[in-house]
Every structure is written in structure tokens, then in C-alpha cells.
Amino acid sequence: MASFSVKVIRSVFGMAEHVAPRLVGRAAFELFCRTPGRKALSEGEKRAIARAAPFMEAARHHRLMSGAGCVVVHEFRPEPGREPAGTVLVIHGWRSRTEHMKTVIEAYRAAGYRVLSLDLPGHGASQGRRLTMVSAVDAAHTVGEWFGPFAAVVGHSFGGAVAANAVSGSIRRIPPLAAGRLVLIAAPSSLPAIFDNFGNALNLGPRSRAALARQVERIAGRPLEEFTGSLQLAGTQVPALIIHAPDDREVSPDHAELYATAGAHVRLHWTPGLGHRRILADRNVLEEALGFVSGKPLKVH
């Protein structure tokens, strides 16, 4: 969003706090859920997608109907001659897509896993211009109905939060996603913290923030404060690996530390110097993620 637009929105929302906080809360929620249009891709993103074209051509592409509309899941089968080791679901982050998860997908596929990679609503090949935690979890549940259960669910950034919410069954009326393991890479663990930062960015007052939180409860069936990763992982007991860089500027390492408080079934692995995106291409990270799911050390070539 252009800086001028942000300044205008901050000014309008700040003034409207005193006269129409419920309207501001609803407008802020819709703004939060809006996803970038296809034309908003940067030149770097376009080049990355073009480089991944041969990789994507090797996949089978499935169109599934979820509550948010048509979502696309890409199926990557194990290399010929490999005995199938199980199925792994991969979920990308906000303003991302399957192409950006190429290194993770290739690592699990080379190790003998069938990999399903979900394009979240409003991203990649999936329909829409709107994404909520509810629509994301619903899309993951739809993939699970067709292709689950999963040996593991692997998520990066917002996709990691989606994985944690899906496996823990945090959304009312959507059953927990069946998975043996969770791998959360550079993932946020606290929706309240995310919404608080969003509120600060838009100059929301306390009544507007309360209205924003009510929008979350209205669609998710639970109060915003319950969407905390440590509570979710503590309740599910699915073994989880948290991989995070202390220098991540997009998702604070505080989120990883919060996940780690969920119990002994959660392991935290720090990766200094890898930031938020380089972490996906690091060989040591990929081997850590592979070994955690397989139960044995595996090399990435």
C-alpha cells in the first residue's frame, strides 16, 4: 500500500474512532484480509515464478472446492523407483505461492514423500482476493479430506500459523487436520500480536480495535485472544519443530519462543543469519526438517 494511502487511512480511522468505531473495525478487518492482485507482482516475483515453470509442469494440479471457493493444490509424486514414505502437506505464506516453496517440496520429494502444496485462497492459482485464517484452515481441511492423513504439515510464515491452527482444530466447525508432525518455519504464533501491530499501523483506537477483534470472533467462533500458538500446540500434542532465525525482521523471534513454551513435544531450532526468506533455501534447515519428519538423518543434495 502506498505511503500516501496509509497516511490518509490513518487519519480517517483516527478521527472515525470517536463516531463510528464499529464501522472502522469492519473496514480494518476487510483491509487486513485483502490479498495482492496478480498485477501487483514485483519483477523479482515474476522472475522466480518463471524459473519455477519446469518444476510446476512436473506436478499434477487439482482444483478443489472449499468454503472460500476454488483452491488449487499441486501434487508432486516421489521420484521414480522410490518407495513412498508418506504424504506431506506444504503451505506457503502471505503474498507467496507454491513456486516459492520449491526447495522444501523438492527435498521431501527426493526423500520419497508425496508432496501436496496448497495455494491459499487469493494466492497463486487459487481464486479470490481475500484470505482469513478461517478460509485458510478450511482450504487445508479440504485438501486433507482428499489426500490426508499427512505424515507432516510444513508451513512457512503465515502458512505455519495456518498449519498450527488446522492441526489443532482452532476454528469452530472445522475438524482438526490429521497429521503426524508439524514443521513451522519462520511462523507467527500470536494473532493478537499481529492484529495489535496492524492496529498500530492504521492508527486504530481502542473501540475500533475491539470491533476488529469481534469480527475475528464472528467468523472463527472463538475470541481473538485464543489464537495463540502456544495454547494450540499444547492442546494438540502433535510433535512440532519450530525453525526460526533470530534476525527475522518480518516475524519476530518472540513468536518462536512462544511456540516453544507449549511443552516437551515442541522443539525449537534457531538458524542465525537466515532472515525470513533465505531460511527456505538453507541446506541445514531442509535437513533438519526432513530428519524431524522421517525420524532419521537425511541429506539434501
C-alpha atoms as a PDB file:
ATOM      1  CA  MET A   1       0.000   0.000   0.000  1.00  0.00           C
ATOM      2  CA  ALA A   2       1.418   3.406  -0.969  1.00  0.00           C
ATOM      3  CA  SER A   3       2.620   5.585   1.882  1.00  0.00           C
ATOM      4  CA  PHE A   4       0.177   8.361   0.915  1.00  0.00           C
ATOM      5  CA  SER A   5      -2.749   5.926   1.109  1.00  0.00           C
ATOM      6  CA  VAL A   6      -1.594   4.760   4.532  1.00  0.00           C
ATOM      7  CA  LYS A   7      -1.426   8.346   5.780  1.00  0.00           C
ATOM      8  CA  VAL A   8      -4.964   9.023   4.570  1.00  0.00           C
ATOM      9  CA  ILE A   9      -6.318   5.819   6.135  1.00  0.00           C
ATOM     10  CA  ARG A  10      -4.553   6.518   9.440  1.00  0.00           C
ATOM     11  CA  SER A  11      -6.079   9.998   9.539  1.00  0.00           C
ATOM     12  CA  VAL A  12      -9.601   8.830   8.654  1.00  0.00           C
ATOM     13  CA  PHE A  13      -9.527   5.877  11.054  1.00  0.00           C
ATOM     14  CA  GLY A  14      -8.172   8.032  13.857  1.00  0.00           C
ATOM     15  CA  MET A  15     -10.998  10.546  13.513  1.00  0.00           C
ATOM     16  CA  ALA A  16     -13.698   7.893  12.992  1.00  0.00           C
ATOM     17  CA  GLU A  17     -12.750   6.187  16.281  1.00  0.00           C
ATOM     18  CA  HIS A  18     -14.956   8.726  18.084  1.00  0.00           C
ATOM     19  CA  VAL A  19     -18.024   8.495  15.833  1.00  0.00           C
ATOM     20  CA  ALA A  20     -18.112   5.053  14.129  1.00  0.00           C
ATOM     21  CA  PRO A  21     -15.734   2.558  15.787  1.00  0.00           C
ATOM     22  CA  ARG A  22     -17.741  -0.488  14.654  1.00  0.00           C
ATOM     23  CA  LEU A  23     -17.583   0.667  11.041  1.00  0.00           C
ATOM     24  CA  VAL A  24     -13.838   1.295  11.375  1.00  0.00           C
ATOM     25  CA  GLY A  25     -13.333  -2.178  12.864  1.00  0.00           C
ATOM     26  CA  ARG A  26     -15.166  -3.840   9.984  1.00  0.00           C
ATOM     27  CA  ALA A  27     -13.315  -1.760   7.388  1.00  0.00           C
ATOM     28  CA  ALA A  28      -9.969  -2.511   9.012  1.00  0.00           C
ATOM     29  CA  PHE A  29     -10.748  -6.241   9.030  1.00  0.00           C
ATOM     30  CA  GLU A  30     -11.576  -6.209   5.310  1.00  0.00           C
ATOM     31  CA  LEU A  31      -8.379  -4.285   4.624  1.00  0.00           C
ATOM     32  CA  PHE A  32      -6.395  -6.835   6.635  1.00  0.00           C
ATOM     33  CA  CYS A  33      -7.901  -9.749   4.636  1.00  0.00           C
ATOM     34  CA  ARG A  34      -7.319  -8.234   1.207  1.00  0.00           C
ATOM     35  CA  THR A  35      -4.706 -10.098  -0.838  1.00  0.00           C
ATOM     36  CA  PRO A  36      -2.486  -8.564  -3.554  1.00  0.00           C
ATOM     37  CA  GLY A  37      -3.773  -8.792  -7.105  1.00  0.00           C
ATOM     38  CA  ARG A  38      -1.938 -10.763  -9.775  1.00  0.00           C
ATOM     39  CA  LYS A  39      -0.820  -7.500 -11.369  1.00  0.00           C
ATOM     40  CA  ALA A  40       0.870  -6.467  -8.112  1.00  0.00           C
ATOM     41  CA  LEU A  41       3.704  -8.986  -8.542  1.00  0.00           C
ATOM     42  CA  SER A  42       7.163  -7.452  -8.379  1.00  0.00           C
ATOM     43  CA  GLU A  43       9.714  -8.094 -11.115  1.00  0.00           C
ATOM     44  CA  GLY A  44      11.605 -10.375  -8.721  1.00  0.00           C
ATOM     45  CA  GLU A  45       8.469 -12.404  -8.036  1.00  0.00           C
ATOM     46  CA  LYS A  46       7.768 -12.715 -11.748  1.00  0.00           C
ATOM     47  CA  ARG A  47      11.298 -13.980 -12.373  1.00  0.00           C
ATOM     48  CA  ALA A  48      11.007 -16.526  -9.544  1.00  0.00           C
ATOM     49  CA  ILE A  49       7.733 -17.831 -10.969  1.00  0.00           C
ATOM     50  CA  ALA A  50       9.254 -18.085 -14.453  1.00  0.00           C
ATOM     51  CA  ARG A  51      12.277 -20.002 -13.125  1.00  0.00           C
ATOM     52  CA  ALA A  52       9.959 -22.462 -11.374  1.00  0.00           C
ATOM     53  CA  ALA A  53       7.873 -23.147 -14.510  1.00  0.00           C
ATOM     54  CA  PRO A  54       9.537 -26.509 -15.368  1.00  0.00           C
ATOM     55  CA  PHE A  55       9.167 -27.552 -11.725  1.00  0.00           C
ATOM     56  CA  MET A  56       5.458 -26.729 -11.762  1.00  0.00           C
ATOM     57  CA  GLU A  57       4.908 -28.523 -15.069  1.00  0.00           C
ATOM     58  CA  ALA A  58       6.004 -31.775 -13.405  1.00  0.00           C
ATOM     59  CA  ALA A  59       3.161 -31.533 -10.870  1.00  0.00           C
ATOM     60  CA  ARG A  60      -0.424 -32.727 -11.036  1.00  0.00           C
ATOM     61  CA  HIS A  61      -2.794 -29.840 -10.403  1.00  0.00           C
ATOM     62  CA  HIS A  62      -6.058 -30.394  -8.545  1.00  0.00           C
ATOM     63  CA  ARG A  63      -8.883 -27.865  -8.239  1.00  0.00           C
ATOM     64  CA  LEU A  64     -10.925 -28.343  -5.074  1.00  0.00           C
ATOM     65  CA  MET A  65     -13.983 -26.512  -3.801  1.00  0.00           C
ATOM     66  CA  SER A  66     -13.625 -25.119  -0.295  1.00  0.00           C
ATOM     67  CA  GLY A  67     -15.741 -22.647   1.632  1.00  0.00           C
ATOM     68  CA  ALA A  68     -13.735 -19.800   0.088  1.00  0.00           C
ATOM     69  CA  GLY A  69     -14.236 -21.033  -3.462  1.00  0.00           C
ATOM     70  CA  CYS A  70     -11.915 -22.919  -5.779  1.00  0.00           C
ATOM     71  CA  VAL A  71      -8.442 -23.607  -4.388  1.00  0.00           C
ATOM     72  CA  VAL A  72      -5.613 -25.337  -6.214  1.00  0.00           C
ATOM     73  CA  VAL A  73      -3.345 -27.971  -4.721  1.00  0.00           C
ATOM     74  CA  HIS A  74      -0.265 -29.156  -6.597  1.00  0.00           C
ATOM     75  CA  GLU A  75       0.764 -32.800  -6.256  1.00  0.00           C
ATOM     76  CA  PHE A  76       4.430 -33.758  -6.558  1.00  0.00           C
ATOM     77  CA  ARG A  77       4.976 -37.509  -6.578  1.00  0.00           C
ATOM     78  CA  PRO A  78       8.169 -39.221  -5.365  1.00  0.00           C
ATOM     79  CA  GLU A  79      10.970 -39.724  -7.840  1.00  0.00           C
ATOM     80  CA  PRO A  80      10.554 -42.904  -9.915  1.00  0.00           C
ATOM     81  CA  GLY A  81      11.776 -46.005  -8.161  1.00  0.00           C
ATOM     82  CA  ARG A  82      11.376 -44.563  -4.667  1.00  0.00           C
ATOM     83  CA  GLU A  83       9.178 -46.399  -2.175  1.00  0.00           C
ATOM     84  CA  PRO A  84       6.533 -43.893  -0.979  1.00  0.00           C
ATOM     85  CA  ALA A  85       7.371 -42.675   2.522  1.00  0.00           C
ATOM     86  CA  GLY A  86       4.058 -40.919   3.157  1.00  0.00           C
ATOM     87  CA  THR A  87       2.364 -37.658   2.236  1.00  0.00           C
ATOM     88  CA  VAL A  88       3.439 -34.163   3.291  1.00  0.00           C
ATOM     89  CA  LEU A  89       1.287 -31.042   3.012  1.00  0.00           C
ATOM     90  CA  VAL A  90       3.185 -27.801   2.350  1.00  0.00           C
ATOM     91  CA  ILE A  91       1.594 -24.385   2.957  1.00  0.00           C
ATOM     92  CA  HIS A  92       3.172 -21.102   1.810  1.00  0.00           C
ATOM     93  CA  GLY A  93       2.945 -17.716   3.497  1.00  0.00           C
ATOM     94  CA  TRP A  94       1.138 -14.444   2.840  1.00  0.00           C
ATOM     95  CA  ARG A  95       1.881 -12.966  -0.609  1.00  0.00           C
ATOM     96  CA  SER A  96       3.551 -16.217  -1.603  1.00  0.00           C
ATOM     97  CA  ARG A  97       2.678 -19.325  -3.603  1.00  0.00           C
ATOM     98  CA  THR A  98       3.772 -22.890  -4.314  1.00  0.00           C
ATOM     99  CA  GLU A  99       6.636 -21.761  -6.568  1.00  0.00           C
ATOM    100  CA  HIS A 100       8.315 -20.083  -3.582  1.00  0.00           C
ATOM    101  CA  MET A 101       8.256 -23.374  -1.646  1.00  0.00           C
ATOM    102  CA  LYS A 102      10.207 -25.196  -4.379  1.00  0.00           C
ATOM    103  CA  THR A 103      13.260 -26.103  -2.275  1.00  0.00           C
ATOM    104  CA  VAL A 104      11.126 -27.547   0.535  1.00  0.00           C
ATOM    105  CA  ILE A 105       8.980 -29.543  -1.881  1.00  0.00           C
ATOM    106  CA  GLU A 106      11.992 -30.910  -3.753  1.00  0.00           C
ATOM    107  CA  ALA A 107      13.676 -32.006  -0.518  1.00  0.00           C
ATOM    108  CA  TYR A 108      10.696 -34.041   0.687  1.00  0.00           C
ATOM    109  CA  ARG A 109      10.009 -35.424  -2.782  1.00  0.00           C
ATOM    110  CA  ALA A 110      13.628 -36.587  -3.163  1.00  0.00           C
ATOM    111  CA  ALA A 111      13.319 -38.323   0.218  1.00  0.00           C
ATOM    112  CA  GLY A 112      10.407 -40.396  -1.084  1.00  0.00           C
ATOM    113  CA  TYR A 113       7.422 -38.364   0.073  1.00  0.00           C
ATOM    114  CA  ARG A 114       4.402 -37.438  -1.984  1.00  0.00           C
ATOM    115  CA  VAL A 115       4.062 -33.673  -1.505  1.00  0.00           C
ATOM    116  CA  LEU A 116       0.821 -31.686  -1.747  1.00  0.00           C
ATOM    117  CA  SER A 117       1.370 -27.936  -1.922  1.00  0.00           C
ATOM    118  CA  LEU A 118      -1.651 -25.708  -1.331  1.00  0.00           C
ATOM    119  CA  ASP A 119      -2.100 -22.315  -2.963  1.00  0.00           C
ATOM    120  CA  LEU A 120      -4.051 -20.466  -0.285  1.00  0.00           C
ATOM    121  CA  PRO A 121      -7.213 -18.523  -1.247  1.00  0.00           C
ATOM    122  CA  GLY A 122      -6.283 -15.336  -3.061  1.00  0.00           C
ATOM    123  CA  HIS A 123      -2.797 -16.648  -3.884  1.00  0.00           C
ATOM    124  CA  GLY A 124      -1.111 -18.462  -6.748  1.00  0.00           C
ATOM    125  CA  ALA A 125      -3.566 -20.400  -8.912  1.00  0.00           C
ATOM    126  CA  SER A 126      -6.387 -20.265  -6.339  1.00  0.00           C
ATOM    127  CA  GLN A 127      -9.358 -17.934  -6.686  1.00  0.00           C
ATOM    128  CA  GLY A 128     -10.172 -14.794  -4.751  1.00  0.00           C
ATOM    129  CA  ARG A 129      -8.736 -11.560  -3.391  1.00  0.00           C
ATOM    130  CA  ARG A 130      -9.365 -12.312   0.281  1.00  0.00           C
ATOM    131  CA  LEU A 131      -7.716 -14.530   2.887  1.00  0.00           C
ATOM    132  CA  THR A 132      -8.618 -15.151   6.524  1.00  0.00           C
ATOM    133  CA  MET A 133      -7.389 -17.753   8.969  1.00  0.00           C
ATOM    134  CA  VAL A 134     -10.802 -19.394   8.659  1.00  0.00           C
ATOM    135  CA  SER A 135     -10.666 -19.656   4.845  1.00  0.00           C
ATOM    136  CA  ALA A 136      -7.055 -20.868   5.007  1.00  0.00           C
ATOM    137  CA  VAL A 137      -7.812 -23.601   7.562  1.00  0.00           C
ATOM    138  CA  ASP A 138     -10.916 -24.589   5.609  1.00  0.00           C
ATOM    139  CA  ALA A 139      -8.818 -24.928   2.442  1.00  0.00           C
ATOM    140  CA  ALA A 140      -6.256 -27.091   4.295  1.00  0.00           C
ATOM    141  CA  HIS A 141      -9.081 -29.240   5.673  1.00  0.00           C
ATOM    142  CA  THR A 142     -10.438 -29.700   2.144  1.00  0.00           C
ATOM    143  CA  VAL A 143      -7.019 -30.931   0.987  1.00  0.00           C
ATOM    144  CA  GLY A 144      -6.968 -33.294   3.962  1.00  0.00           C
ATOM    145  CA  GLU A 145     -10.329 -34.763   3.018  1.00  0.00           C
ATOM    146  CA  TRP A 146      -9.000 -35.628  -0.432  1.00  0.00           C
ATOM    147  CA  PHE A 147      -5.379 -36.553   0.240  1.00  0.00           C
ATOM    148  CA  GLY A 148      -4.840 -36.993   4.010  1.00  0.00           C
ATOM    149  CA  PRO A 149      -3.874 -38.072   6.533  1.00  0.00           C
ATOM    150  CA  PHE A 150      -0.440 -36.496   6.366  1.00  0.00           C
ATOM    151  CA  ALA A 151       2.889 -37.636   7.734  1.00  0.00           C
ATOM    152  CA  ALA A 152       3.542 -33.935   8.333  1.00  0.00           C
ATOM    153  CA  VAL A 153       2.313 -30.448   7.588  1.00  0.00           C
ATOM    154  CA  VAL A 154       5.077 -27.963   6.766  1.00  0.00           C
ATOM    155  CA  GLY A 155       4.298 -24.254   6.769  1.00  0.00           C
ATOM    156  CA  HIS A 156       6.322 -21.105   6.179  1.00  0.00           C
ATOM    157  CA  SER A 157       5.407 -17.733   7.696  1.00  0.00           C
ATOM    158  CA  PHE A 158       1.602 -17.314   7.705  1.00  0.00           C
ATOM    159  CA  GLY A 159       1.405 -20.844   6.301  1.00  0.00           C
ATOM    160  CA  GLY A 160       2.980 -22.092   9.523  1.00  0.00           C
ATOM    161  CA  ALA A 161       0.271 -20.382  11.554  1.00  0.00           C
ATOM    162  CA  VAL A 162      -2.328 -21.947   9.241  1.00  0.00           C
ATOM    163  CA  ALA A 163      -0.758 -25.375   9.818  1.00  0.00           C
ATOM    164  CA  ALA A 164      -0.838 -24.947  13.605  1.00  0.00           C
ATOM    165  CA  ASN A 165      -4.459 -23.768  13.548  1.00  0.00           C
ATOM    166  CA  ALA A 166      -5.547 -26.550  11.173  1.00  0.00           C
ATOM    167  CA  VAL A 167      -3.924 -29.379  13.147  1.00  0.00           C
ATOM    168  CA  SER A 168      -5.118 -28.026  16.496  1.00  0.00           C
ATOM    169  CA  GLY A 169      -8.707 -27.580  15.283  1.00  0.00           C
ATOM    170  CA  SER A 170      -8.858 -23.961  16.414  1.00  0.00           C
ATOM    171  CA  ILE A 171     -11.714 -22.984  14.071  1.00  0.00           C
ATOM    172  CA  ARG A 172     -15.201 -23.914  15.208  1.00  0.00           C
ATOM    173  CA  ARG A 173     -16.998 -26.424  12.986  1.00  0.00           C
ATOM    174  CA  ILE A 174     -13.792 -27.412  11.127  1.00  0.00           C
ATOM    175  CA  PRO A 175     -12.358 -30.732  12.414  1.00  0.00           C
ATOM    176  CA  PRO A 176      -8.621 -30.952  13.200  1.00  0.00           C
ATOM    177  CA  LEU A 177      -6.376 -31.824  10.271  1.00  0.00           C
ATOM    178  CA  ALA A 178      -4.838 -35.300  10.699  1.00  0.00           C
ATOM    179  CA  ALA A 179      -1.033 -35.062  10.721  1.00  0.00           C
ATOM    180  CA  GLY A 180       1.773 -36.912  12.459  1.00  0.00           C
ATOM    181  CA  ARG A 181       4.181 -33.967  12.686  1.00  0.00           C
ATOM    182  CA  LEU A 182       4.310 -30.201  12.325  1.00  0.00           C
ATOM    183  CA  VAL A 183       7.202 -28.171  10.903  1.00  0.00           C
ATOM    184  CA  LEU A 184       6.732 -24.416  11.330  1.00  0.00           C
ATOM    185  CA  ILE A 185       9.329 -22.243   9.585  1.00  0.00           C
ATOM    186  CA  ALA A 186       9.510 -18.528  10.449  1.00  0.00           C
ATOM    187  CA  ALA A 187       5.884 -18.730  11.587  1.00  0.00           C
ATOM    188  CA  PRO A 188       3.910 -16.214  13.669  1.00  0.00           C
ATOM    189  CA  SER A 189       2.391 -17.686  16.818  1.00  0.00           C
ATOM    190  CA  SER A 190       0.100 -14.927  18.050  1.00  0.00           C
ATOM    191  CA  LEU A 191      -2.779 -13.461  16.059  1.00  0.00           C
ATOM    192  CA  PRO A 192      -3.462 -10.954  18.850  1.00  0.00           C
ATOM    193  CA  ALA A 193       0.080  -9.602  18.403  1.00  0.00           C
ATOM    194  CA  ILE A 194      -0.355  -9.431  14.618  1.00  0.00           C
ATOM    195  CA  PHE A 195      -3.632  -7.550  14.938  1.00  0.00           C
ATOM    196  CA  ASP A 196      -2.089  -5.245  17.528  1.00  0.00           C
ATOM    197  CA  ASN A 197       0.715  -4.322  15.112  1.00  0.00           C
ATOM    198  CA  PHE A 198      -1.858  -3.875  12.357  1.00  0.00           C
ATOM    199  CA  GLY A 199      -3.887  -1.592  14.613  1.00  0.00           C
ATOM    200  CA  ASN A 200      -0.807   0.497  15.363  1.00  0.00           C
ATOM    201  CA  ALA A 201      -0.037   0.822  11.647  1.00  0.00           C
ATOM    202  CA  LEU A 202      -3.574   2.082  10.918  1.00  0.00           C
ATOM    203  CA  ASN A 203      -3.895   4.316  13.993  1.00  0.00           C
ATOM    204  CA  LEU A 204      -6.860   2.367  15.376  1.00  0.00           C
ATOM    205  CA  GLY A 205      -8.269   3.467  18.702  1.00  0.00           C
ATOM    206  CA  PRO A 206      -9.338   1.080  21.477  1.00  0.00           C
ATOM    207  CA  ARG A 207     -13.006   0.885  20.442  1.00  0.00           C
ATOM    208  CA  SER A 208     -12.102   0.250  16.803  1.00  0.00           C
ATOM    209  CA  ARG A 209      -9.652  -2.479  17.887  1.00  0.00           C
ATOM    210  CA  ALA A 210     -12.388  -4.110  19.950  1.00  0.00           C
ATOM    211  CA  ALA A 211     -14.678  -4.047  16.904  1.00  0.00           C
ATOM    212  CA  LEU A 212     -11.888  -5.576  14.802  1.00  0.00           C
ATOM    213  CA  ALA A 213     -11.482  -8.374  17.338  1.00  0.00           C
ATOM    214  CA  ARG A 214     -15.224  -9.034  17.265  1.00  0.00           C
ATOM    215  CA  GLN A 215     -15.000  -9.595  13.515  1.00  0.00           C
ATOM    216  CA  VAL A 216     -12.494 -12.381  14.154  1.00  0.00           C
ATOM    217  CA  GLU A 217     -14.746 -13.993  16.751  1.00  0.00           C
ATOM    218  CA  ARG A 218     -17.762 -13.678  14.449  1.00  0.00           C
ATOM    219  CA  ILE A 219     -16.222 -15.743  11.647  1.00  0.00           C
ATOM    220  CA  ALA A 220     -13.946 -18.050  13.673  1.00  0.00           C
ATOM    221  CA  GLY A 221     -16.264 -18.834  16.560  1.00  0.00           C
ATOM    222  CA  ARG A 222     -13.576 -18.067  19.159  1.00  0.00           C
ATOM    223  CA  PRO A 223     -12.224 -14.868  20.746  1.00  0.00           C
ATOM    224  CA  LEU A 224      -9.113 -13.383  19.180  1.00  0.00           C
ATOM    225  CA  GLU A 225      -7.054 -13.967  22.343  1.00  0.00           C
ATOM    226  CA  GLU A 226      -7.443 -17.740  21.956  1.00  0.00           C
ATOM    227  CA  PHE A 227      -5.489 -17.706  18.701  1.00  0.00           C
ATOM    228  CA  THR A 228      -2.111 -18.148  20.353  1.00  0.00           C
ATOM    229  CA  GLY A 229       0.254 -20.829  19.080  1.00  0.00           C
ATOM    230  CA  SER A 230       1.469 -21.981  22.469  1.00  0.00           C
ATOM    231  CA  LEU A 231      -2.115 -22.774  23.558  1.00  0.00           C
ATOM    232  CA  GLN A 232      -2.861 -24.510  20.268  1.00  0.00           C
ATOM    233  CA  LEU A 233       0.228 -26.730  20.302  1.00  0.00           C
ATOM    234  CA  ALA A 234      -0.203 -27.507  24.000  1.00  0.00           C
ATOM    235  CA  GLY A 235      -3.687 -28.782  23.287  1.00  0.00           C
ATOM    236  CA  THR A 236      -2.858 -30.982  20.302  1.00  0.00           C
ATOM    237  CA  GLN A 237       0.333 -32.786  21.464  1.00  0.00           C
ATOM    238  CA  VAL A 238       1.396 -33.348  17.823  1.00  0.00           C
ATOM    239  CA  PRO A 239       5.237 -33.265  17.769  1.00  0.00           C
ATOM    240  CA  ALA A 240       6.328 -29.927  16.322  1.00  0.00           C
ATOM    241  CA  LEU A 241       9.596 -28.454  15.091  1.00  0.00           C
ATOM    242  CA  ILE A 242       9.903 -24.666  15.167  1.00  0.00           C
ATOM    243  CA  ILE A 243      12.614 -23.290  12.859  1.00  0.00           C
ATOM    244  CA  HIS A 244      13.328 -19.577  13.128  1.00  0.00           C
ATOM    245  CA  ALA A 245      16.103 -17.062  12.547  1.00  0.00           C
ATOM    246  CA  PRO A 246      16.922 -14.666  15.403  1.00  0.00           C
ATOM    247  CA  ASP A 247      17.411 -11.930  12.772  1.00  0.00           C
ATOM    248  CA  ASP A 248      13.980 -12.394  11.143  1.00  0.00           C
ATOM    249  CA  ARG A 249      12.648  -8.865  10.579  1.00  0.00           C
ATOM    250  CA  GLU A 250       9.199  -9.891   9.338  1.00  0.00           C
ATOM    251  CA  VAL A 251       8.220 -12.324  12.094  1.00  0.00           C
ATOM    252  CA  SER A 252       9.864 -11.592  15.423  1.00  0.00           C
ATOM    253  CA  PRO A 253      11.780 -14.463  17.096  1.00  0.00           C
ATOM    254  CA  ASP A 254       9.464 -13.861  20.065  1.00  0.00           C
ATOM    255  CA  HIS A 255       6.876 -15.867  18.153  1.00  0.00           C
ATOM    256  CA  ALA A 256       9.188 -18.900  18.026  1.00  0.00           C
ATOM    257  CA  GLU A 257       9.891 -18.638  21.744  1.00  0.00           C
ATOM    258  CA  LEU A 258       6.160 -18.541  22.438  1.00  0.00           C
ATOM    259  CA  TYR A 259       5.587 -21.734  20.432  1.00  0.00           C
ATOM    260  CA  ALA A 260       8.378 -23.418  22.386  1.00  0.00           C
ATOM    261  CA  THR A 261       6.533 -22.922  25.683  1.00  0.00           C
ATOM    262  CA  ALA A 262       3.800 -25.366  24.586  1.00  0.00           C
ATOM    263  CA  GLY A 263       5.524 -28.436  26.027  1.00  0.00           C
ATOM    264  CA  ALA A 264       8.220 -31.071  25.616  1.00  0.00           C
ATOM    265  CA  HIS A 265       6.726 -32.218  22.290  1.00  0.00           C
ATOM    266  CA  VAL A 266       7.786 -28.896  20.723  1.00  0.00           C
ATOM    267  CA  ARG A 267      11.418 -28.416  19.668  1.00  0.00           C
ATOM    268  CA  LEU A 268      12.937 -25.038  18.763  1.00  0.00           C
ATOM    269  CA  HIS A 269      15.775 -24.841  16.227  1.00  0.00           C
ATOM    270  CA  TRP A 270      17.493 -21.471  15.718  1.00  0.00           C
ATOM    271  CA  THR A 271      19.078 -20.605  12.364  1.00  0.00           C
ATOM    272  CA  PRO A 272      21.127 -17.404  12.793  1.00  0.00           C
ATOM    273  CA  GLY A 273      21.659 -15.174   9.788  1.00  0.00           C
ATOM    274  CA  LEU A 274      18.942 -16.581   7.518  1.00  0.00           C
ATOM    275  CA  GLY A 275      16.242 -13.933   7.922  1.00  0.00           C
ATOM    276  CA  HIS A 276      12.677 -14.631   6.850  1.00  0.00           C
ATOM    277  CA  ARG A 277      13.020 -15.949   3.292  1.00  0.00           C
ATOM    278  CA  ARG A 278      16.575 -17.226   2.854  1.00  0.00           C
ATOM    279  CA  ILE A 279      15.722 -19.777   5.531  1.00  0.00           C
ATOM    280  CA  LEU A 280      13.760 -21.794   2.942  1.00  0.00           C
ATOM    281  CA  ALA A 281      16.822 -22.433   0.770  1.00  0.00           C
ATOM    282  CA  ASP A 282      19.292 -23.382   3.504  1.00  0.00           C
ATOM    283  CA  ARG A 283      20.533 -26.988   3.307  1.00  0.00           C
ATOM    284  CA  ASN A 284      20.844 -27.386   7.076  1.00  0.00           C
ATOM    285  CA  VAL A 285      17.277 -26.156   7.564  1.00  0.00           C
ATOM    286  CA  LEU A 286      15.966 -28.595   4.960  1.00  0.00           C
ATOM    287  CA  GLU A 287      17.882 -31.500   6.505  1.00  0.00           C
ATOM    288  CA  GLU A 288      16.569 -30.596   9.961  1.00  0.00           C
ATOM    289  CA  ALA A 289      13.017 -30.512   8.637  1.00  0.00           C
ATOM    290  CA  LEU A 290      13.461 -33.803   6.773  1.00  0.00           C
ATOM    291  CA  GLY A 291      15.032 -35.596   9.712  1.00  0.00           C
ATOM    292  CA  PHE A 292      12.301 -34.473  12.077  1.00  0.00           C
ATOM    293  CA  VAL A 293       9.571 -35.939   9.872  1.00  0.00           C
ATOM    294  CA  SER A 294      11.399 -39.128   8.855  1.00  0.00           C
ATOM    295  CA  GLY A 295      12.885 -39.872  12.291  1.00  0.00           C
ATOM    296  CA  LYS A 296      16.370 -40.327  10.843  1.00  0.00           C
ATOM    297  CA  PRO A 297      19.135 -38.067   9.457  1.00  0.00           C
ATOM    298  CA  LEU A 298      18.712 -37.319   5.742  1.00  0.00           C
ATOM    299  CA  LYS A 299      20.975 -35.411   3.392  1.00  0.00           C
ATOM    300  CA  VAL A 300      19.817 -32.829   0.867  1.00  0.00           C
ATOM    301  CA  HIS A 301      21.709 -32.830  -2.431  1.00  0.00           C
END
